[in-house]
Amino acid sequence: MSSLDKETVRKIAFLSRIKVSEEELGELAGDLTRILDFIEELQEVDVEGAAPLTSVADLTLPLRKDEVTDGNIQQKVLANAPKTDAGCFVVPKVIE
């Protein structure tokens, strides 16, 4: 692959809304060129027949029933409230 020039990097920076100083353009051009060369190298790898992975560890997460509950901790939650009534928080009236 041919290397990116400063003008191309300047255009990429503008489109990306990234402020790049004139001094950084040369170094950034080299970095982007190396990244694109690496991507090109990866595209040459034969992956025919390779199964896609979502994780490198072969684990299955345990499942639980999808049930709606109150968590069975109502009293613990209400213990933090300054005032409660009938299992609910009591708050001051804010609208007249």
Protein backbone atom coordinates (compact mmCIF):
# COMPACT_ATOMS: atom_id res chain seq x y z
CA MET A 1 0.00 0.00 0.00
CA SER A 2 1.18 3.51 -0.67
CA SER A 3 1.75 5.78 2.28
CA LEU A 4 -0.63 8.56 3.21
CA ASP A 5 0.57 12.10 2.57
CA LYS A 6 0.10 15.09 4.87
CA GLU A 7 -2.74 16.51 2.77
CA THR A 8 -4.75 13.28 3.08
CA VAL A 9 -4.16 13.21 6.84
CA ARG A 10 -5.21 16.87 7.07
CA LYS A 11 -8.46 16.00 5.24
CA ILE A 12 -9.08 12.98 7.53
CA ALA A 13 -8.49 15.16 10.59
CA PHE A 14 -10.89 17.80 9.26
CA LEU A 15 -13.62 15.24 8.54
CA SER A 16 -13.07 13.69 11.99
CA ARG A 17 -13.21 17.12 13.63
CA ILE A 18 -9.80 16.50 15.22
CA LYS A 19 -7.38 19.37 15.62
CA VAL A 20 -3.95 18.25 14.40
CA SER A 21 -1.02 20.65 14.34
CA GLU A 22 1.23 20.95 11.29
CA GLU A 23 4.07 19.30 13.22
CA GLU A 24 1.95 16.24 14.05
CA LEU A 25 0.81 15.59 10.47
CA GLY A 26 3.96 13.72 9.43
CA GLU A 27 3.99 11.41 12.44
CA LEU A 28 0.25 10.80 12.16
CA ALA A 29 0.62 9.99 8.46
CA GLY A 30 3.19 7.34 9.33
CA ASP A 31 0.99 5.88 12.09
CA LEU A 32 -2.07 5.69 9.86
CA THR A 33 -0.05 4.12 7.05
CA ARG A 34 1.23 1.40 9.40
CA ILE A 35 -2.34 0.73 10.62
CA LEU A 36 -3.63 0.40 7.05
CA ASP A 37 -0.69 -1.86 6.14
CA PHE A 38 -1.52 -4.08 9.11
CA ILE A 39 -5.18 -4.28 8.07
CA GLU A 40 -4.08 -5.25 4.57
CA GLU A 41 -1.85 -7.95 6.07
CA LEU A 42 -4.76 -9.28 8.17
CA GLN A 43 -6.95 -9.54 5.08
CA GLU A 44 -4.47 -12.06 3.64
CA VAL A 45 -5.09 -14.52 6.50
CA ASP A 46 -7.12 -17.57 5.46
CA VAL A 47 -10.09 -17.80 7.83
CA GLU A 48 -12.12 -20.25 5.76
CA GLY A 49 -13.89 -22.68 8.07
CA ALA A 50 -12.97 -20.79 11.26
CA ALA A 51 -15.94 -20.41 13.59
CA PRO A 52 -16.62 -16.88 14.81
CA LEU A 53 -15.90 -16.30 18.51
CA THR A 54 -17.66 -14.09 20.99
CA SER A 55 -15.14 -14.93 23.69
CA VAL A 56 -11.84 -16.78 23.95
CA ALA A 57 -13.17 -18.70 26.98
CA ASP A 58 -15.71 -21.44 26.25
CA LEU A 59 -18.20 -20.54 28.97
CA THR A 60 -21.96 -20.71 29.20
CA LEU A 61 -23.66 -18.32 31.57
CA PRO A 62 -26.14 -19.81 34.02
CA LEU A 63 -29.73 -18.89 33.24
CA ARG A 64 -32.42 -17.92 35.71
CA LYS A 65 -36.16 -17.51 35.36
CA ASP A 66 -37.15 -14.08 34.09
CA GLU A 67 -39.57 -13.19 36.87
CA VAL A 68 -40.50 -9.77 38.22
CA THR A 69 -40.01 -9.57 42.00
CA ASP A 70 -39.70 -6.83 44.57
CA GLY A 71 -36.30 -8.18 45.57
CA ASN A 72 -37.62 -9.29 48.96
CA ILE A 73 -35.72 -6.46 50.67
CA GLN A 74 -38.48 -3.88 51.16
CA GLN A 75 -37.76 -3.51 54.88
CA LYS A 76 -34.02 -2.99 54.26
CA VAL A 77 -34.75 -0.28 51.67
CA LEU A 78 -37.31 1.46 53.87
CA ALA A 79 -34.90 1.37 56.82
CA ASN A 80 -32.96 4.18 55.11
CA ALA A 81 -36.00 6.45 54.83
CA PRO A 82 -36.57 9.16 57.44
CA LYS A 83 -40.34 8.53 57.30
CA THR A 84 -42.47 5.66 55.93
CA ASP A 85 -46.16 4.74 55.84
CA ALA A 86 -47.80 1.50 54.65
CA GLY A 87 -44.57 0.22 53.09
CA CYS A 88 -43.88 3.43 51.13
CA PHE A 89 -41.59 6.45 51.45
CA VAL A 90 -43.25 9.57 52.85
CA VAL A 91 -42.03 12.77 51.20
CA PRO A 92 -42.97 16.39 51.78
CA LYS A 93 -45.65 17.89 49.54
CA VAL A 94 -44.02 20.06 46.88
CA ILE A 95 -47.03 21.15 44.78
CA GLU A 96 -49.86 23.16 46.27
